[in-house]
Amino acid sequence: MNYRSYNRGEWTEVYVLFYLLGQKKLYKGDASFQKLSDFFYISRVFHYENLEKVEFQLENNLSEIVIKRSGCINQRISVQDFINKANDIFEAITNSQGRSFSIPAIEDFLKSINCQTIKQDSRNVKDIEIGIIDTKRDRHDNFSFSIKSKLGQSPTIFNAGKKTVFIYKIESNNNLDIPKLKELKSATKILRTIRGQCQIVFDELKTREFTNTFYRNLILIDDSMPIIVANLLLNAYSGSGENNKSIIELHKKMTMDNPCGYELQNVGEIYERKIKNFLTDITLGLKASEDWKKDNTPNGFLVVTKNGEVLSYYLLDRKTFEDCLFTQTKLDVPSRKRHDYGTVYQEEGNYGSSLLGMVR
């Protein structure tokens, strides 16, 4: 029998489904990805299959899972089976070497419960939906989440692509040694060299023309968001060391640069608020290629920690949600083998450069 290979992220979504059914509780996390004592009891979990929801409901004193499709009972499975399979997936993910791999025993189990696919429909920004019991308020609610995994590389919140390019003008460029710059292999080295000799200015007009939809989405968050993201990128590329790519450090530099020219006190607080708004929206599904609409976004995100725990972050608890993003994310430099950026070009006698980044 042929078994399909899936990447870590796809297997992690199955792991989260099985893990939560076995745990029967959804714990909250703090801004440092540490588990808190607060939790909600789980009554059911919904798995998305091509925009259809399959319901996994806890019954019989929480010892059995009833699987429902279109409201009809399809199967009954012991909770212990899901606990065992979650452990198998976690072991396979942590021991895997390649980018993608198969887990035959899990595929067989998924087929036995009539799960048709592991991959999510790309149009759905929600990875999982969970029915929770809030005993403090005596309420039953369904919350949807995106899933971020720390089992491997830091999870990507926003991917780089052709439509995420920011364009910059290089001013006072008479002293630039273009042939020497072209010899440099790293975009960060090129930017550091240029910034040491010249002034680099965000070309908002050309960026708007080139990115269009992404630019529109940034404006939807905040009128000044293109300028803010442009500053984040420029400082991430021209700084040295991984710590200088963290959002916390980039925020400090932005406060000193004051790219929006605010003549106000405590501009650091203003920039922090705007950066948090940006991080929140890209975490909830904002993409560069699609018009951003907030009416169908998740209620938060789940993080799978390195030891396999699943922690929840809710928009209802906005402070923890935002503090986690602000303190734990960084801008990353994508591969130049996959993307054309970071070089110096000449157009109509003027020099320019383009940058793009991803957020982890």
Protein backbone atom coordinates (compact mmCIF):
# COMPACT_ATOMS: atom_id res chain seq x y z
CA MET A 1 0.00 0.00 0.00
CA ASN A 2 1.30 3.45 -0.90
CA TYR A 3 1.40 6.00 1.90
CA ARG A 4 1.53 9.74 1.32
CA SER A 5 4.12 12.06 2.80
CA TYR A 6 3.12 15.23 4.66
CA ASN A 7 5.22 17.99 6.17
CA ARG A 8 5.62 18.69 9.89
CA GLY A 9 2.95 21.38 9.88
CA GLU A 10 0.35 19.08 8.33
CA TRP A 11 1.13 16.24 10.72
CA THR A 12 1.05 18.70 13.62
CA GLU A 13 -2.56 19.61 12.83
CA VAL A 14 -3.51 15.93 13.19
CA TYR A 15 -1.44 15.72 16.37
CA VAL A 16 -3.31 18.68 17.90
CA LEU A 17 -6.68 17.08 17.08
CA PHE A 18 -5.75 13.77 18.71
CA TYR A 19 -3.89 15.39 21.63
CA LEU A 20 -6.82 17.61 22.63
CA LEU A 21 -9.28 14.72 22.43
CA GLY A 22 -7.03 12.76 24.75
CA GLN A 23 -6.36 15.64 27.17
CA LYS A 24 -9.99 16.80 27.29
CA LYS A 25 -8.71 20.18 28.48
CA LEU A 26 -7.42 23.27 26.70
CA TYR A 27 -4.78 25.12 28.71
CA LYS A 28 -3.88 28.78 28.35
CA GLY A 29 -0.30 29.92 27.82
CA ASP A 30 1.60 33.01 28.92
CA ALA A 31 3.65 35.38 26.74
CA SER A 32 6.72 33.10 27.07
CA PHE A 33 4.92 29.94 25.89
CA GLN A 34 4.66 28.54 29.43
CA LYS A 35 1.54 26.65 30.49
CA LEU A 36 -0.74 28.42 32.95
CA SER A 37 -3.01 26.69 35.44
CA ASP A 38 -6.13 28.12 33.75
CA PHE A 39 -7.94 25.79 31.36
CA PHE A 40 -11.28 25.06 29.72
CA TYR A 41 -12.90 21.65 29.52
CA ILE A 42 -13.35 20.39 25.96
CA SER A 43 -16.74 19.04 24.86
CA ARG A 44 -16.00 18.49 21.17
CA VAL A 45 -13.43 19.22 18.46
CA PHE A 46 -14.15 19.92 14.80
CA HIS A 47 -11.78 18.84 12.02
CA TYR A 48 -12.04 20.63 8.65
CA GLU A 49 -12.13 18.54 5.48
CA ASN A 50 -12.46 20.61 2.30
CA LEU A 51 -14.55 23.20 4.17
CA GLU A 52 -16.72 20.44 5.70
CA LYS A 53 -16.60 20.00 9.47
CA VAL A 54 -16.24 16.56 11.07
CA GLU A 55 -17.28 16.56 14.73
CA PHE A 56 -15.46 14.58 17.42
CA GLN A 57 -17.63 14.66 20.55
CA LEU A 58 -16.62 13.43 24.02
CA GLU A 59 -19.24 11.12 25.59
CA ASN A 60 -19.70 8.32 28.15
CA ASN A 61 -17.95 10.09 31.04
CA LEU A 62 -15.34 11.40 28.61
CA SER A 63 -14.08 7.88 27.81
CA GLU A 64 -15.38 7.69 24.25
CA ILE A 65 -15.29 9.84 21.13
CA VAL A 66 -18.36 9.95 18.93
CA ILE A 67 -17.52 10.93 15.35
CA LYS A 68 -20.30 12.76 13.51
CA ARG A 69 -20.64 13.79 9.88
CA SER A 70 -23.52 16.03 8.83
CA GLY A 71 -24.96 15.57 12.33
CA CYS A 72 -25.14 11.77 12.03
CA ILE A 73 -23.13 9.41 14.23
CA ASN A 74 -20.51 7.68 12.12
CA GLN A 75 -18.37 5.85 14.67
CA ARG A 76 -17.48 5.47 18.34
CA ILE A 77 -13.79 5.28 19.29
CA SER A 78 -12.08 4.95 22.66
CA VAL A 79 -10.33 8.10 23.93
CA GLN A 80 -7.28 5.94 24.69
CA ASP A 81 -6.89 5.24 20.96
CA PHE A 82 -6.48 8.97 20.30
CA ILE A 83 -3.99 9.31 23.17
CA ASN A 84 -1.88 6.48 21.75
CA LYS A 85 -2.00 7.88 18.22
CA ALA A 86 -1.08 11.38 19.42
CA ASN A 87 2.01 9.92 21.09
CA ASP A 88 2.91 8.09 17.87
CA ILE A 89 2.63 11.29 15.81
CA PHE A 90 4.71 13.30 18.28
CA GLU A 91 7.46 10.67 18.21
CA ALA A 92 7.43 10.59 14.40
CA ILE A 93 7.60 14.39 14.11
CA THR A 94 10.45 14.76 16.60
CA ASN A 95 12.46 11.90 15.04
CA SER A 96 11.89 12.83 11.39
CA GLN A 97 14.83 14.00 9.29
CA GLY A 98 13.32 15.19 6.01
CA ARG A 99 10.88 18.00 5.22
CA SER A 100 8.04 15.52 4.70
CA PHE A 101 7.43 11.94 5.76
CA SER A 102 4.75 9.29 6.05
CA ILE A 103 3.34 7.67 9.19
CA PRO A 104 1.63 4.49 7.91
CA ALA A 105 -0.04 3.54 11.22
CA ILE A 106 -1.64 6.99 11.49
CA GLU A 107 -2.82 6.99 7.88
CA ASP A 108 -4.41 3.58 8.46
CA PHE A 109 -6.14 4.90 11.58
CA LEU A 110 -7.38 8.02 9.76
CA LYS A 111 -8.83 5.86 7.01
CA SER A 112 -10.49 3.63 9.60
CA ILE A 113 -12.38 6.67 10.95
CA ASN A 114 -13.12 7.91 7.40
CA CYS A 115 -10.93 11.02 7.53
CA GLN A 116 -10.46 11.77 3.85
CA THR A 117 -7.62 14.27 3.94
CA ILE A 118 -4.97 15.78 6.19
CA LYS A 119 -4.35 18.90 4.15
CA GLN A 120 -6.58 21.90 4.77
CA ASP A 121 -8.30 23.88 2.06
CA SER A 122 -6.06 26.92 1.44
CA ARG A 123 -9.10 29.21 1.60
CA ASN A 124 -9.73 28.29 5.23
CA VAL A 125 -7.63 30.30 7.70
CA LYS A 126 -9.01 28.25 10.60
CA ASP A 127 -7.08 25.06 11.36
CA ILE A 128 -9.32 23.68 14.09
CA GLU A 129 -12.51 24.48 16.01
CA ILE A 130 -13.02 23.53 19.64
CA GLY A 131 -16.15 23.36 21.75
CA ILE A 132 -15.24 24.49 25.26
CA ILE A 133 -17.04 24.59 28.59
CA ASP A 134 -16.48 27.76 30.60
CA THR A 135 -17.40 26.63 34.11
CA LYS A 136 -16.84 30.11 35.57
CA ARG A 137 -19.51 31.62 33.32
CA ASP A 138 -21.53 28.42 32.83
CA ARG A 139 -21.23 28.74 29.05
CA HIS A 140 -20.56 26.47 26.10
CA ASP A 141 -18.79 28.14 23.17
CA ASN A 142 -17.08 27.14 19.95
CA PHE A 143 -13.73 28.81 19.25
CA SER A 144 -11.65 28.47 16.10
CA PHE A 145 -7.85 28.61 16.04
CA SER A 146 -4.89 28.61 13.74
CA ILE A 147 -2.08 26.26 14.76
CA LYS A 148 1.59 27.21 15.19
CA SER A 149 4.20 24.56 15.94
CA LYS A 150 7.59 24.83 17.63
CA LEU A 151 8.44 21.22 16.76
CA GLY A 152 11.29 22.20 14.46
CA GLN A 153 11.87 25.66 13.01
CA SER A 154 10.02 28.58 14.54
CA PRO A 155 6.54 28.70 12.98
CA THR A 156 6.00 31.12 10.12
CA ILE A 157 3.32 33.73 10.75
CA PHE A 158 3.73 35.53 7.43
CA ASN A 159 5.41 34.14 4.31
CA ALA A 160 7.58 36.04 1.86
CA GLY A 161 6.53 36.23 -1.78
CA LYS A 162 6.62 38.30 -4.94
CA LYS A 163 3.79 40.49 -3.70
CA THR A 164 5.46 41.36 -0.39
CA VAL A 165 8.36 43.33 -1.88
CA PHE A 166 9.18 46.77 -0.44
CA ILE A 167 11.09 49.14 -2.70
CA TYR A 168 13.65 51.70 -1.52
CA LYS A 169 15.46 54.64 -3.12
CA ILE A 170 19.20 55.03 -2.53
CA GLU A 171 20.05 58.72 -2.21
CA SER A 172 23.49 60.39 -2.51
CA ASN A 173 24.77 57.39 -4.41
CA ASN A 174 27.81 58.94 -6.14
CA ASN A 175 30.20 57.05 -3.89
CA LEU A 176 28.60 53.64 -4.36
CA ASP A 177 30.90 50.95 -5.74
CA ILE A 178 28.25 48.99 -7.66
CA PRO A 179 30.58 46.23 -8.98
CA LYS A 180 31.79 45.57 -5.44
CA LEU A 181 28.23 45.48 -4.11
CA LYS A 182 27.28 42.93 -6.76
CA GLU A 183 30.06 40.66 -5.49
CA LEU A 184 28.40 40.45 -2.08
CA LYS A 185 26.25 37.33 -1.73
CA SER A 186 24.17 38.39 1.26
CA ALA A 187 21.36 40.95 1.10
CA THR A 188 22.14 41.94 4.69
CA LYS A 189 25.78 42.69 3.80
CA ILE A 190 24.67 44.74 0.80
CA LEU A 191 22.25 46.79 2.92
CA ARG A 192 24.76 47.36 5.70
CA THR A 193 27.34 48.56 3.17
CA ILE A 194 24.90 50.92 1.45
CA ARG A 195 23.50 52.29 4.70
CA GLY A 196 27.01 53.06 5.89
CA GLN A 197 27.55 55.32 2.86
CA CYS A 198 24.15 56.59 1.75
CA GLN A 199 20.63 57.29 2.84
CA ILE A 200 17.99 54.69 2.00
CA VAL A 201 14.43 55.99 1.68
CA PHE A 202 11.22 53.98 1.42
CA ASP A 203 9.66 54.41 -2.04
CA GLU A 204 6.01 54.15 -1.06
CA LEU A 205 4.63 54.97 -4.52
CA LYS A 206 6.51 52.19 -6.31
CA THR A 207 5.79 49.77 -3.48
CA ARG A 208 2.08 50.51 -3.76
CA GLU A 209 2.15 49.97 -7.53
CA PHE A 210 4.02 46.69 -7.21
CA THR A 211 2.29 45.10 -4.21
CA ASN A 212 -1.21 46.57 -4.70
CA THR A 213 -3.33 44.09 -2.67
CA PHE A 214 -0.78 43.78 0.13
CA TYR A 215 -0.46 47.57 0.30
CA ARG A 216 -4.24 47.86 0.50
CA ASN A 217 -4.34 45.32 3.34
CA LEU A 218 -1.70 47.23 5.29
CA ILE A 219 -3.64 50.48 4.88
CA LEU A 220 -6.72 48.67 6.16
CA ILE A 221 -4.85 47.99 9.42
CA ASP A 222 -3.46 51.53 9.69
CA ASP A 223 -2.75 54.40 7.26
CA SER A 224 0.89 54.45 8.36
CA MET A 225 1.41 50.68 8.27
CA PRO A 226 3.39 50.57 4.97
CA ILE A 227 5.91 53.03 6.45
CA ILE A 228 6.11 51.02 9.67
CA VAL A 229 6.69 47.68 7.92
CA ALA A 230 9.24 49.32 5.61
CA ASN A 231 11.19 50.49 8.66
CA LEU A 232 11.02 47.05 10.28
CA LEU A 233 12.44 45.46 7.13
CA LEU A 234 15.20 48.01 6.62
CA ASN A 235 16.46 47.70 10.18
CA ALA A 236 16.18 43.90 10.13
CA TYR A 237 18.41 43.71 7.06
CA SER A 238 20.94 46.35 8.03
CA GLY A 239 21.36 45.23 11.65
CA SER A 240 23.82 42.56 12.78
CA GLY A 241 22.98 39.39 14.69
CA GLU A 242 19.76 37.41 15.10
CA ASN A 243 18.67 39.38 18.17
CA ASN A 244 18.49 42.53 16.05
CA LYS A 245 15.77 40.88 13.97
CA SER A 246 13.45 40.40 16.95
CA ILE A 247 10.36 42.59 17.00
CA ILE A 248 11.34 43.96 20.41
CA GLU A 249 14.71 45.20 19.12
CA LEU A 250 13.25 46.47 15.85
CA HIS A 251 10.65 48.41 17.84
CA LYS A 252 13.44 50.11 19.81
CA LYS A 253 15.13 51.18 16.57
CA MET A 254 11.82 52.37 15.13
CA THR A 255 11.21 54.52 18.20
CA MET A 256 14.59 56.19 17.63
CA ASP A 257 14.04 56.55 13.85
CA ASN A 258 10.44 57.80 14.25
CA PRO A 259 9.73 57.07 10.55
CA CYS A 260 6.22 58.54 10.73
CA GLY A 261 7.55 61.83 12.11
CA TYR A 262 5.27 61.97 15.15
CA GLU A 263 5.84 65.13 17.17
CA LEU A 264 4.38 63.57 20.30
CA GLN A 265 5.48 62.23 23.65
CA ASN A 266 5.95 58.48 24.19
CA VAL A 267 6.11 57.63 20.47
CA GLY A 268 7.37 54.17 21.48
CA GLU A 269 3.91 53.34 22.81
CA ILE A 270 2.33 54.47 19.53
CA TYR A 271 4.63 52.28 17.45
CA GLU A 272 4.16 49.33 19.81
CA ARG A 273 0.39 49.54 19.39
CA LYS A 274 0.64 49.69 15.59
CA ILE A 275 3.13 46.79 15.43
CA LYS A 276 0.87 44.68 17.64
CA ASN A 277 -2.06 45.40 15.31
CA PHE A 278 0.05 44.25 12.35
CA LEU A 279 1.18 41.06 14.11
CA THR A 280 -2.37 40.27 15.20
CA ASP A 281 -3.79 40.52 11.69
CA ILE A 282 -1.07 38.47 9.96
CA THR A 283 -1.46 35.82 12.68
CA LEU A 284 -5.21 35.68 12.05
CA GLY A 285 -4.77 35.16 8.32
CA LEU A 286 -3.91 38.38 6.48
CA LYS A 287 -2.20 37.46 3.19
CA ALA A 288 -0.44 39.53 0.56
CA SER A 289 -2.39 38.09 -2.37
CA GLU A 290 -5.99 38.36 -1.10
CA ASP A 291 -8.14 41.25 0.07
CA TRP A 292 -8.17 41.11 3.87
CA LYS A 293 -11.56 40.59 5.48
CA LYS A 294 -11.89 40.13 9.21
CA ASP A 295 -15.36 38.59 9.26
CA ASN A 296 -14.15 34.97 9.08
CA THR A 297 -10.97 35.00 11.15
CA PRO A 298 -10.04 32.57 13.94
CA ASN A 299 -10.62 33.46 17.58
CA GLY A 300 -6.97 32.92 18.41
CA PHE A 301 -4.08 30.54 17.88
CA LEU A 302 -2.68 27.36 19.42
CA VAL A 303 1.02 26.76 19.97
CA VAL A 304 2.54 23.28 20.09
CA THR A 305 5.57 23.56 22.36
CA LYS A 306 8.78 21.57 21.99
CA ASN A 307 7.63 19.10 24.64
CA GLY A 308 4.32 18.53 22.85
CA GLU A 309 1.99 20.60 25.00
CA VAL A 310 -0.76 22.57 23.25
CA LEU A 311 -1.31 26.09 24.60
CA SER A 312 -4.10 28.48 23.65
CA TYR A 313 -4.08 32.22 23.04
CA TYR A 314 -7.43 34.00 22.67
CA LEU A 315 -8.35 37.35 21.27
CA LEU A 316 -10.66 37.61 24.28
CA ASP A 317 -7.49 37.79 26.38
CA ARG A 318 -6.02 40.41 24.08
CA LYS A 319 -3.13 41.50 26.31
CA THR A 320 -1.57 38.02 26.57
CA PHE A 321 -2.33 37.39 22.89
CA GLU A 322 -0.55 40.55 21.77
CA ASP A 323 2.29 40.38 24.29
CA CYS A 324 3.10 36.87 23.13
CA LEU A 325 3.35 38.01 19.50
CA PHE A 326 5.32 41.15 20.36
CA THR A 327 7.91 39.39 22.53
CA GLN A 328 8.26 36.10 20.65
CA THR A 329 8.31 37.03 16.95
CA LYS A 330 11.10 38.17 14.64
CA LEU A 331 11.63 39.13 11.02
CA ASP A 332 13.47 36.48 9.04
CA VAL A 333 15.43 36.78 5.82
CA PRO A 334 14.12 34.44 3.11
CA SER A 335 16.35 32.53 0.71
CA ARG A 336 17.64 34.54 -2.26
CA LYS A 337 17.66 31.30 -4.26
CA ARG A 338 13.87 31.32 -4.12
CA HIS A 339 13.29 35.08 -4.23
CA ASP A 340 14.92 37.86 -6.24
CA TYR A 341 15.57 40.76 -3.87
CA GLY A 342 18.31 42.62 -2.02
CA THR A 343 20.32 43.63 -5.07
CA VAL A 344 21.09 47.17 -6.24
CA TYR A 345 19.52 48.18 -9.54
CA GLN A 346 19.63 51.33 -11.65
CA GLU A 347 16.54 52.89 -13.20
CA GLU A 348 16.41 56.24 -15.02
CA GLY A 349 19.76 57.21 -13.52
CA ASN A 350 18.68 56.46 -9.96
CA TYR A 351 19.69 53.56 -7.75
CA GLY A 352 17.28 51.46 -5.77
CA SER A 353 16.88 48.18 -3.93
CA SER A 354 14.05 45.91 -2.85
CA LEU A 355 13.53 43.91 0.33
CA LEU A 356 11.09 41.31 1.48
CA GLY A 357 10.74 39.45 4.72
CA MET A 358 8.89 36.77 6.57
CA VAL A 359 7.68 36.85 10.17
CA ARG A 360 8.33 33.93 12.52
